[in-house]
Amino acid sequence: MRTLAIGDIHGCYQSLAALESLAKFKPEDRIITLGDYVDRGPDSKSVIEWLIDRNANGNLIALRGNHELMMLAATQSERHLDEWLACGGDTVLSSYGADAIDTIPGSHLSFLRLRLRSHFKTKHTSSFTPMLTQRFHTTSSQTSCCTGNRLAILCRTNPG
């Protein structure tokens, strides 16, 4: 069983699907997602559906990010809603074909509220080697690449 970590998906479902294909995810792989599933990218809805599907097999550890916290807070007050919309929440609503947060399926909001973790325990006692992720690193290939101490698991050819 492999353990794979994915961070900062930010509504980029096509990149997530390409990563899944490139890394050849298997049902027995443990996938740890590091939060920030929504906002910015065009398809937060599909990202949340992907998380819900992966959670069903029991091999997903999904951590809560600040963007999910903002989205959930937006369901509670107009002030939080305005803040969330200014930070990319409008792209989430667009992915649902909605213009109001209360039209997002309750099952999706419940998943974000109840299934995401703030932390998890591991048997590993050694520290991880410090590594920075390189977001929006451009390359002409679809292979992973390493530049200095920066690793791009999925090199996007169309940064956006």
Foldseek 3Di string as FASTA:
>chain_A
DAEEEAEQLAQVVVLVVLLCVQVVDDLPYQYEYDENLHFDYQASPVSLVVVVVSVVSPRYQAAYDPLLVLLLVLVPDVVSVVVSVVRGVVSVCVNVVHDDSVVPDPVSNCCSVPVHHNDDDDPDDDDDDDAAEDPQAADPDQCWDDDDRYTYRGHDNDHD
